[in-house]
Amino acid sequence: MDATVLVVDDSAEFTELLQTYLEQHGYKVVTASGGQEAINHFQSNRRADVILLDVMMPDIDGWETCQRLREITNVPILMLTALGRETDLVQGLELGADDYLIKPFHLTELKARIEAHLRRARMAGWESPYPAYSDDEVYIDLPNREVRLRGKHISLSPTEFRLLACLVRNAGIVVPHRSLLSEVWGPDYLQDIRSLKLYIRYLRQKIEPDPTQPRYVLTEWGVGYRFRDIQNSTRAPAREPRDLLTERPALYRP
């Protein structure tokens, strides 16, 4: 895979673990031991396609680093943090992070998140003749405002469609409550979580084969919602090859 990952973490052991794993899966990896080094990387016009950013660092913490990186680059930023409180996660997303993973996490999940962000970044700005999402159950064509469930046309209200479109455009990525409220309802509705939950329920009742067990519109508790990662195929994902890294440190513990 022709993509460069910038790993920003002050733990040499953790950085080496990620570098080894990602390079085994075809990525080029560059590292920075702190926030200022990561900022310098982009200020000197060096390249990266995605950033893995730790929160707790001695020079500049991940929050400030994320905010300053957002001023100079639109590269996807994934926060890697041991801080699991809702306020911490929302803070990172509001400062410009695209996603987060709470330590400990599985390396295979990290790889899947990276791939989702790279696909999203590469599709940005491109008009596609293909539907935004299509499988054996659901068909979604955003430009033509067409949604079908098992071949039957689904009628969505304007609010329901805006909500679905926002989630599908960010498929595979958590969209925070406030971001959804701002885009779908407007900046005056940032606290109206009750309306958001209500419309998520309406949307699930229309597009989910079984609304009680959602497959497409998924909840990230206390943070937001995400549409399942885009896969224009119903084939099961390939099994991860077995190697030392996937056997021993598949679950990283700080």
C-alpha atoms as a PDB file:
ATOM      1  CA  MET A   1       0.000   0.000   0.000  1.00  0.00           C
ATOM      2  CA  ASP A   2       1.482   3.321  -1.095  1.00  0.00           C
ATOM      3  CA  ALA A   3       0.804   5.268   2.079  1.00  0.00           C
ATOM      4  CA  THR A   4       2.941   6.856   4.771  1.00  0.00           C
ATOM      5  CA  VAL A   5       1.916   6.759   8.440  1.00  0.00           C
ATOM      6  CA  LEU A   6       3.355   9.255  10.925  1.00  0.00           C
ATOM      7  CA  VAL A   7       3.447   7.745  14.439  1.00  0.00           C
ATOM      8  CA  VAL A   8       3.714  10.387  17.174  1.00  0.00           C
ATOM      9  CA  ASP A   9       4.467   8.914  20.604  1.00  0.00           C
ATOM     10  CA  ASP A  10       7.158   9.387  23.244  1.00  0.00           C
ATOM     11  CA  SER A  11       7.298   5.634  23.989  1.00  0.00           C
ATOM     12  CA  ALA A  12      10.060   4.098  21.906  1.00  0.00           C
ATOM     13  CA  GLU A  13       8.761   0.580  22.621  1.00  0.00           C
ATOM     14  CA  PHE A  14       5.227   1.389  21.472  1.00  0.00           C
ATOM     15  CA  THR A  15       6.464   3.256  18.409  1.00  0.00           C
ATOM     16  CA  GLU A  16       8.674   0.330  17.398  1.00  0.00           C
ATOM     17  CA  LEU A  17       5.753  -2.079  17.830  1.00  0.00           C
ATOM     18  CA  LEU A  18       3.490  -0.035  15.550  1.00  0.00           C
ATOM     19  CA  GLN A  19       6.239   0.542  13.011  1.00  0.00           C
ATOM     20  CA  THR A  20       7.043  -3.156  12.739  1.00  0.00           C
ATOM     21  CA  TYR A  21       3.401  -4.164  12.412  1.00  0.00           C
ATOM     22  CA  LEU A  22       2.471  -1.504   9.850  1.00  0.00           C
ATOM     23  CA  GLU A  23       5.565  -2.076   7.727  1.00  0.00           C
ATOM     24  CA  GLN A  24       4.703  -5.777   7.613  1.00  0.00           C
ATOM     25  CA  HIS A  25       1.400  -4.717   6.051  1.00  0.00           C
ATOM     26  CA  GLY A  26       2.940  -2.546   3.365  1.00  0.00           C
ATOM     27  CA  TYR A  27       2.968   0.913   4.937  1.00  0.00           C
ATOM     28  CA  LYS A  28       5.887   3.291   5.084  1.00  0.00           C
ATOM     29  CA  VAL A  29       6.255   4.542   8.662  1.00  0.00           C
ATOM     30  CA  VAL A  30       7.926   7.676   9.958  1.00  0.00           C
ATOM     31  CA  THR A  31       8.070   8.514  13.646  1.00  0.00           C
ATOM     32  CA  ALA A  32       8.120  11.524  15.933  1.00  0.00           C
ATOM     33  CA  SER A  33       8.847  11.350  19.651  1.00  0.00           C
ATOM     34  CA  GLY A  34       6.768  14.422  20.498  1.00  0.00           C
ATOM     35  CA  GLY A  35       4.267  16.964  19.293  1.00  0.00           C
ATOM     36  CA  GLN A  36       6.758  19.603  18.187  1.00  0.00           C
ATOM     37  CA  GLU A  37       8.654  17.079  16.071  1.00  0.00           C
ATOM     38  CA  ALA A  38       5.390  16.122  14.361  1.00  0.00           C
ATOM     39  CA  ILE A  39       4.580  19.759  13.651  1.00  0.00           C
ATOM     40  CA  ASN A  40       8.096  20.298  12.277  1.00  0.00           C
ATOM     41  CA  HIS A  41       7.577  17.309   9.969  1.00  0.00           C
ATOM     42  CA  PHE A  42       4.763  19.084   8.130  1.00  0.00           C
ATOM     43  CA  GLN A  43       6.270  22.555   8.352  1.00  0.00           C
ATOM     44  CA  SER A  44       9.300  21.239   6.453  1.00  0.00           C
ATOM     45  CA  ASN A  45       6.952  19.966   3.707  1.00  0.00           C
ATOM     46  CA  ARG A  46       7.559  16.303   4.417  1.00  0.00           C
ATOM     47  CA  ARG A  47       4.768  13.864   3.557  1.00  0.00           C
ATOM     48  CA  ALA A  48       2.400  11.663   5.557  1.00  0.00           C
ATOM     49  CA  ASP A  49      -1.002  10.277   4.609  1.00  0.00           C
ATOM     50  CA  VAL A  50      -2.305   9.577   8.113  1.00  0.00           C
ATOM     51  CA  ILE A  51      -1.193  10.518  11.636  1.00  0.00           C
ATOM     52  CA  LEU A  52      -1.343   8.305  14.745  1.00  0.00           C
ATOM     53  CA  LEU A  53      -1.158  10.736  17.651  1.00  0.00           C
ATOM     54  CA  ASP A  54      -0.671   9.909  21.326  1.00  0.00           C
ATOM     55  CA  VAL A  55      -2.253  12.215  23.906  1.00  0.00           C
ATOM     56  CA  MET A  56       0.117  12.094  26.889  1.00  0.00           C
ATOM     57  CA  MET A  57       3.468  13.475  25.730  1.00  0.00           C
ATOM     58  CA  PRO A  58       6.026  15.528  27.656  1.00  0.00           C
ATOM     59  CA  ASP A  59       6.640  18.484  25.334  1.00  0.00           C
ATOM     60  CA  ILE A  60       3.274  19.303  23.756  1.00  0.00           C
ATOM     61  CA  ASP A  61       0.292  17.123  24.609  1.00  0.00           C
ATOM     62  CA  GLY A  62      -1.796  15.478  21.926  1.00  0.00           C
ATOM     63  CA  TRP A  63      -4.659  17.974  22.250  1.00  0.00           C
ATOM     64  CA  GLU A  64      -2.502  20.984  21.408  1.00  0.00           C
ATOM     65  CA  THR A  65      -0.545  19.036  18.799  1.00  0.00           C
ATOM     66  CA  CYS A  66      -3.773  18.042  17.075  1.00  0.00           C
ATOM     67  CA  GLN A  67      -5.034  21.610  17.056  1.00  0.00           C
ATOM     68  CA  ARG A  68      -1.765  22.965  15.625  1.00  0.00           C
ATOM     69  CA  LEU A  69      -1.529  20.213  13.015  1.00  0.00           C
ATOM     70  CA  ARG A  70      -5.037  21.046  11.849  1.00  0.00           C
ATOM     71  CA  GLU A  71      -3.825  24.553  11.020  1.00  0.00           C
ATOM     72  CA  ILE A  72      -1.301  23.227   8.500  1.00  0.00           C
ATOM     73  CA  THR A  73      -2.657  19.897   7.194  1.00  0.00           C
ATOM     74  CA  ASN A  74      -5.905  18.052   6.440  1.00  0.00           C
ATOM     75  CA  VAL A  75      -4.278  14.629   6.846  1.00  0.00           C
ATOM     76  CA  PRO A  76      -6.488  12.230   8.873  1.00  0.00           C
ATOM     77  CA  ILE A  77      -5.540  12.188  12.572  1.00  0.00           C
ATOM     78  CA  LEU A  78      -6.245   9.181  14.811  1.00  0.00           C
ATOM     79  CA  MET A  79      -5.808   9.831  18.522  1.00  0.00           C
ATOM     80  CA  LEU A  80      -4.363   6.935  20.540  1.00  0.00           C
ATOM     81  CA  THR A  81      -5.211   7.444  24.186  1.00  0.00           C
ATOM     82  CA  ALA A  82      -5.547   5.685  27.509  1.00  0.00           C
ATOM     83  CA  LEU A  83      -8.040   8.389  28.527  1.00  0.00           C
ATOM     84  CA  GLY A  84     -11.445   6.809  28.062  1.00  0.00           C
ATOM     85  CA  ARG A  85     -13.699   9.497  29.523  1.00  0.00           C
ATOM     86  CA  GLU A  86     -16.357  10.896  27.216  1.00  0.00           C
ATOM     87  CA  THR A  87     -15.076  14.445  27.729  1.00  0.00           C
ATOM     88  CA  ASP A  88     -11.565  13.419  26.651  1.00  0.00           C
ATOM     89  CA  LEU A  89     -12.795  11.706  23.491  1.00  0.00           C
ATOM     90  CA  VAL A  90     -15.072  14.584  22.520  1.00  0.00           C
ATOM     91  CA  GLN A  91     -12.289  17.081  23.175  1.00  0.00           C
ATOM     92  CA  GLY A  92     -10.002  15.361  20.692  1.00  0.00           C
ATOM     93  CA  LEU A  93     -12.693  15.160  18.015  1.00  0.00           C
ATOM     94  CA  GLU A  94     -13.641  18.801  18.484  1.00  0.00           C
ATOM     95  CA  LEU A  95      -9.997  19.875  18.168  1.00  0.00           C
ATOM     96  CA  GLY A  96      -9.825  18.308  14.726  1.00  0.00           C
ATOM     97  CA  ALA A  97      -9.074  14.625  15.221  1.00  0.00           C
ATOM     98  CA  ASP A  98     -10.865  12.307  12.822  1.00  0.00           C
ATOM     99  CA  ASP A  99     -11.033   9.274  15.066  1.00  0.00           C
ATOM    100  CA  TYR A 100      -9.714   7.742  18.275  1.00  0.00           C
ATOM    101  CA  LEU A 101      -8.682   4.407  19.726  1.00  0.00           C
ATOM    102  CA  ILE A 102      -8.576   3.737  23.462  1.00  0.00           C
ATOM    103  CA  LYS A 103      -5.586   1.801  24.766  1.00  0.00           C
ATOM    104  CA  PRO A 104      -5.452  -1.152  24.979  1.00  0.00           C
ATOM    105  CA  PHE A 105      -6.531  -1.844  21.412  1.00  0.00           C
ATOM    106  CA  HIS A 106      -6.111  -4.566  18.810  1.00  0.00           C
ATOM    107  CA  LEU A 107      -3.566  -3.896  16.094  1.00  0.00           C
ATOM    108  CA  THR A 108      -5.945  -5.331  13.511  1.00  0.00           C
ATOM    109  CA  GLU A 109      -8.549  -2.724  14.494  1.00  0.00           C
ATOM    110  CA  LEU A 110      -5.954   0.024  14.143  1.00  0.00           C
ATOM    111  CA  LYS A 111      -5.096  -1.230  10.650  1.00  0.00           C
ATOM    112  CA  ALA A 112      -8.779  -1.264   9.673  1.00  0.00           C
ATOM    113  CA  ARG A 113      -9.258   2.304  10.930  1.00  0.00           C
ATOM    114  CA  ILE A 114      -6.214   3.502   8.974  1.00  0.00           C
ATOM    115  CA  GLU A 115      -7.522   1.900   5.789  1.00  0.00           C
ATOM    116  CA  ALA A 116     -10.959   3.495   6.270  1.00  0.00           C
ATOM    117  CA  HIS A 117      -9.462   6.968   6.659  1.00  0.00           C
ATOM    118  CA  LEU A 118      -7.204   6.536   3.646  1.00  0.00           C
ATOM    119  CA  ARG A 119     -10.155   5.486   1.482  1.00  0.00           C
ATOM    120  CA  ARG A 120     -12.155   8.458   2.667  1.00  0.00           C
ATOM    121  CA  ALA A 121      -9.290  10.870   1.990  1.00  0.00           C
ATOM    122  CA  ARG A 122      -8.719   9.499  -1.502  1.00  0.00           C
ATOM    123  CA  MET A 123     -12.412   9.708  -2.392  1.00  0.00           C
ATOM    124  CA  ALA A 124     -12.759  13.303  -1.208  1.00  0.00           C
ATOM    125  CA  GLY A 125     -13.519  15.665  -4.047  1.00  0.00           C
ATOM    126  CA  TRP A 126     -14.152  12.898  -6.594  1.00  0.00           C
ATOM    127  CA  GLU A 127     -17.486  12.406  -8.336  1.00  0.00           C
ATOM    128  CA  SER A 128     -18.263   8.721  -8.650  1.00  0.00           C
ATOM    129  CA  PRO A 129     -20.721   7.028 -11.023  1.00  0.00           C
ATOM    130  CA  TYR A 130     -21.245   4.333  -8.387  1.00  0.00           C
ATOM    131  CA  PRO A 131     -23.592   4.422  -5.397  1.00  0.00           C
ATOM    132  CA  ALA A 132     -22.147   5.596  -2.102  1.00  0.00           C
ATOM    133  CA  TYR A 133     -23.070   2.235  -0.616  1.00  0.00           C
ATOM    134  CA  SER A 134     -24.494  -0.966  -2.012  1.00  0.00           C
ATOM    135  CA  ASP A 135     -24.841  -4.525  -0.768  1.00  0.00           C
ATOM    136  CA  ASP A 136     -27.481  -7.263  -0.865  1.00  0.00           C
ATOM    137  CA  GLU A 137     -29.734  -5.321   1.517  1.00  0.00           C
ATOM    138  CA  VAL A 138     -29.195  -1.570   1.155  1.00  0.00           C
ATOM    139  CA  TYR A 139     -28.547   0.722  -1.812  1.00  0.00           C
ATOM    140  CA  ILE A 140     -27.641   4.399  -1.217  1.00  0.00           C
ATOM    141  CA  ASP A 141     -27.105   6.911  -4.045  1.00  0.00           C
ATOM    142  CA  LEU A 142     -26.487  10.326  -2.481  1.00  0.00           C
ATOM    143  CA  PRO A 143     -26.371  12.551  -5.615  1.00  0.00           C
ATOM    144  CA  ASN A 144     -29.714  11.154  -6.806  1.00  0.00           C
ATOM    145  CA  ARG A 145     -31.152  10.994  -3.277  1.00  0.00           C
ATOM    146  CA  GLU A 146     -32.131   7.372  -3.814  1.00  0.00           C
ATOM    147  CA  VAL A 147     -32.259   4.828  -0.981  1.00  0.00           C
ATOM    148  CA  ARG A 148     -33.541   1.272  -1.355  1.00  0.00           C
ATOM    149  CA  LEU A 149     -33.938  -1.575   1.120  1.00  0.00           C
ATOM    150  CA  ARG A 150     -34.084  -5.026  -0.491  1.00  0.00           C
ATOM    151  CA  GLY A 151     -34.894  -3.375  -3.803  1.00  0.00           C
ATOM    152  CA  LYS A 152     -37.791  -1.309  -2.449  1.00  0.00           C
ATOM    153  CA  HIS A 153     -37.570   2.488  -2.576  1.00  0.00           C
ATOM    154  CA  ILE A 154     -37.354   4.103   0.870  1.00  0.00           C
ATOM    155  CA  SER A 155     -38.861   7.555   1.378  1.00  0.00           C
ATOM    156  CA  LEU A 156     -36.765   9.687   3.745  1.00  0.00           C
ATOM    157  CA  SER A 157     -37.679  13.090   5.111  1.00  0.00           C
ATOM    158  CA  PRO A 158     -35.183  15.902   4.322  1.00  0.00           C
ATOM    159  CA  THR A 159     -33.798  15.689   7.868  1.00  0.00           C
ATOM    160  CA  GLU A 160     -33.447  11.908   7.705  1.00  0.00           C
ATOM    161  CA  PHE A 161     -31.659  12.160   4.366  1.00  0.00           C
ATOM    162  CA  ARG A 162     -29.243  14.848   5.598  1.00  0.00           C
ATOM    163  CA  LEU A 163     -28.441  12.687   8.618  1.00  0.00           C
ATOM    164  CA  LEU A 164     -27.845   9.608   6.471  1.00  0.00           C
ATOM    165  CA  ALA A 165     -25.742  11.566   3.963  1.00  0.00           C
ATOM    166  CA  CYS A 166     -23.512  12.947   6.717  1.00  0.00           C
ATOM    167  CA  LEU A 167     -22.923   9.473   8.130  1.00  0.00           C
ATOM    168  CA  VAL A 168     -22.326   7.827   4.731  1.00  0.00           C
ATOM    169  CA  ARG A 169     -19.851  10.505   3.624  1.00  0.00           C
ATOM    170  CA  ASN A 170     -17.870   9.663   6.762  1.00  0.00           C
ATOM    171  CA  ALA A 171     -18.377   5.901   6.517  1.00  0.00           C
ATOM    172  CA  GLY A 172     -16.228   3.929   8.952  1.00  0.00           C
ATOM    173  CA  ILE A 173     -15.502   7.023  11.031  1.00  0.00           C
ATOM    174  CA  VAL A 174     -17.179   8.205  14.235  1.00  0.00           C
ATOM    175  CA  VAL A 175     -19.097  11.462  13.768  1.00  0.00           C
ATOM    176  CA  PRO A 176     -19.552  13.242  17.129  1.00  0.00           C
ATOM    177  CA  HIS A 177     -23.014  14.264  18.311  1.00  0.00           C
ATOM    178  CA  ARG A 178     -22.233  17.968  17.988  1.00  0.00           C
ATOM    179  CA  SER A 179     -20.903  17.587  14.439  1.00  0.00           C
ATOM    180  CA  LEU A 180     -24.049  15.756  13.347  1.00  0.00           C
ATOM    181  CA  LEU A 181     -26.295  18.305  15.020  1.00  0.00           C
ATOM    182  CA  SER A 182     -24.407  21.197  13.435  1.00  0.00           C
ATOM    183  CA  GLU A 183     -24.481  19.757   9.919  1.00  0.00           C
ATOM    184  CA  VAL A 184     -28.022  18.357   9.956  1.00  0.00           C
ATOM    185  CA  TRP A 185     -29.895  20.881  12.123  1.00  0.00           C
ATOM    186  CA  GLY A 186     -27.561  23.878  12.354  1.00  0.00           C
ATOM    187  CA  PRO A 187     -25.247  25.496  14.938  1.00  0.00           C
ATOM    188  CA  ASP A 188     -28.161  26.537  17.180  1.00  0.00           C
ATOM    189  CA  TYR A 189     -28.974  22.889  17.968  1.00  0.00           C
ATOM    190  CA  LEU A 190     -25.666  21.607  19.340  1.00  0.00           C
ATOM    191  CA  GLN A 191     -27.211  20.530  22.649  1.00  0.00           C
ATOM    192  CA  ASP A 192     -30.287  18.824  21.207  1.00  0.00           C
ATOM    193  CA  ILE A 193     -29.070  15.248  21.667  1.00  0.00           C
ATOM    194  CA  ARG A 194     -32.659  14.049  22.193  1.00  0.00           C
ATOM    195  CA  SER A 195     -33.649  15.023  18.627  1.00  0.00           C
ATOM    196  CA  LEU A 196     -30.558  13.352  17.227  1.00  0.00           C
ATOM    197  CA  LYS A 197     -31.333  10.087  19.024  1.00  0.00           C
ATOM    198  CA  LEU A 198     -34.936  10.260  17.847  1.00  0.00           C
ATOM    199  CA  TYR A 199     -33.946  10.697  14.190  1.00  0.00           C
ATOM    200  CA  ILE A 200     -31.336   7.972  14.443  1.00  0.00           C
ATOM    201  CA  ARG A 201     -34.183   5.698  15.545  1.00  0.00           C
ATOM    202  CA  TYR A 202     -36.367   6.876  12.636  1.00  0.00           C
ATOM    203  CA  LEU A 203     -33.523   6.251  10.198  1.00  0.00           C
ATOM    204  CA  ARG A 204     -32.841   2.768  11.543  1.00  0.00           C
ATOM    205  CA  GLN A 205     -36.518   1.874  11.277  1.00  0.00           C
ATOM    206  CA  LYS A 206     -36.373   2.687   7.564  1.00  0.00           C
ATOM    207  CA  ILE A 207     -32.998   1.384   6.366  1.00  0.00           C
ATOM    208  CA  GLU A 208     -32.058  -1.383   8.786  1.00  0.00           C
ATOM    209  CA  PRO A 209     -33.203  -4.939   7.973  1.00  0.00           C
ATOM    210  CA  ASP A 210     -33.585  -5.363  11.755  1.00  0.00           C
ATOM    211  CA  PRO A 211     -33.705  -1.979  13.560  1.00  0.00           C
ATOM    212  CA  THR A 212     -33.223  -3.689  16.934  1.00  0.00           C
ATOM    213  CA  GLN A 213     -29.806  -4.965  15.796  1.00  0.00           C
ATOM    214  CA  PRO A 214     -28.354  -2.202  13.591  1.00  0.00           C
ATOM    215  CA  ARG A 215     -25.882  -3.233  10.882  1.00  0.00           C
ATOM    216  CA  TYR A 216     -25.377   0.136   9.203  1.00  0.00           C
ATOM    217  CA  VAL A 217     -25.977   3.027  11.607  1.00  0.00           C
ATOM    218  CA  LEU A 218     -23.832   2.136  14.612  1.00  0.00           C
ATOM    219  CA  THR A 219     -23.628   3.788  18.031  1.00  0.00           C
ATOM    220  CA  GLU A 220     -20.376   4.912  19.650  1.00  0.00           C
ATOM    221  CA  TRP A 221     -21.703   5.313  23.184  1.00  0.00           C
ATOM    222  CA  GLY A 222     -21.302   8.772  24.650  1.00  0.00           C
ATOM    223  CA  VAL A 223     -19.507  10.091  21.553  1.00  0.00           C
ATOM    224  CA  GLY A 224     -21.569   9.854  18.370  1.00  0.00           C
ATOM    225  CA  TYR A 225     -22.521   7.559  15.507  1.00  0.00           C
ATOM    226  CA  ARG A 226     -20.869   6.018  12.478  1.00  0.00           C
ATOM    227  CA  PHE A 227     -21.988   4.329   9.312  1.00  0.00           C
ATOM    228  CA  ARG A 228     -20.385   0.929   8.770  1.00  0.00           C
ATOM    229  CA  ASP A 229     -17.189   0.948   6.774  1.00  0.00           C
ATOM    230  CA  ILE A 230     -17.898   1.060   3.046  1.00  0.00           C
ATOM    231  CA  GLN A 231     -17.667  -2.366   1.450  1.00  0.00           C
ATOM    232  CA  ASN A 232     -19.258  -2.861  -1.968  1.00  0.00           C
ATOM    233  CA  SER A 233     -19.122  -6.613  -1.441  1.00  0.00           C
ATOM    234  CA  THR A 234     -20.742  -9.080   0.918  1.00  0.00           C
ATOM    235  CA  ARG A 235     -17.690 -11.315   1.030  1.00  0.00           C
ATOM    236  CA  ALA A 236     -16.233 -12.006   4.447  1.00  0.00           C
ATOM    237  CA  PRO A 237     -12.970 -10.152   5.129  1.00  0.00           C
ATOM    238  CA  ALA A 238      -9.761 -12.036   4.577  1.00  0.00           C
ATOM    239  CA  ARG A 239      -8.305 -13.655   7.659  1.00  0.00           C
ATOM    240  CA  GLU A 240      -5.256 -11.927   9.139  1.00  0.00           C
ATOM    241  CA  PRO A 241      -2.005 -13.816   8.503  1.00  0.00           C
ATOM    242  CA  ARG A 242      -0.523 -15.314  11.650  1.00  0.00           C
ATOM    243  CA  ASP A 243       2.815 -13.959  12.706  1.00  0.00           C
ATOM    244  CA  LEU A 244       4.639 -13.031  15.870  1.00  0.00           C
ATOM    245  CA  LEU A 245       3.110  -9.580  16.118  1.00  0.00           C
ATOM    246  CA  THR A 246      -0.483 -10.699  15.623  1.00  0.00           C
ATOM    247  CA  GLU A 247      -0.044 -13.568  18.055  1.00  0.00           C
ATOM    248  CA  ARG A 248       1.688 -11.839  20.940  1.00  0.00           C
ATOM    249  CA  PRO A 249       0.989  -8.073  20.967  1.00  0.00           C
ATOM    250  CA  ALA A 250      -2.348  -8.073  19.132  1.00  0.00           C
ATOM    251  CA  LEU A 251      -3.793  -6.388  22.219  1.00  0.00           C
ATOM    252  CA  TYR A 252      -1.495  -3.540  23.186  1.00  0.00           C
ATOM    253  CA  ARG A 253      -1.437  -2.649  26.866  1.00  0.00           C
ATOM    254  CA  PRO A 254       0.301   0.591  27.910  1.00  0.00           C
END
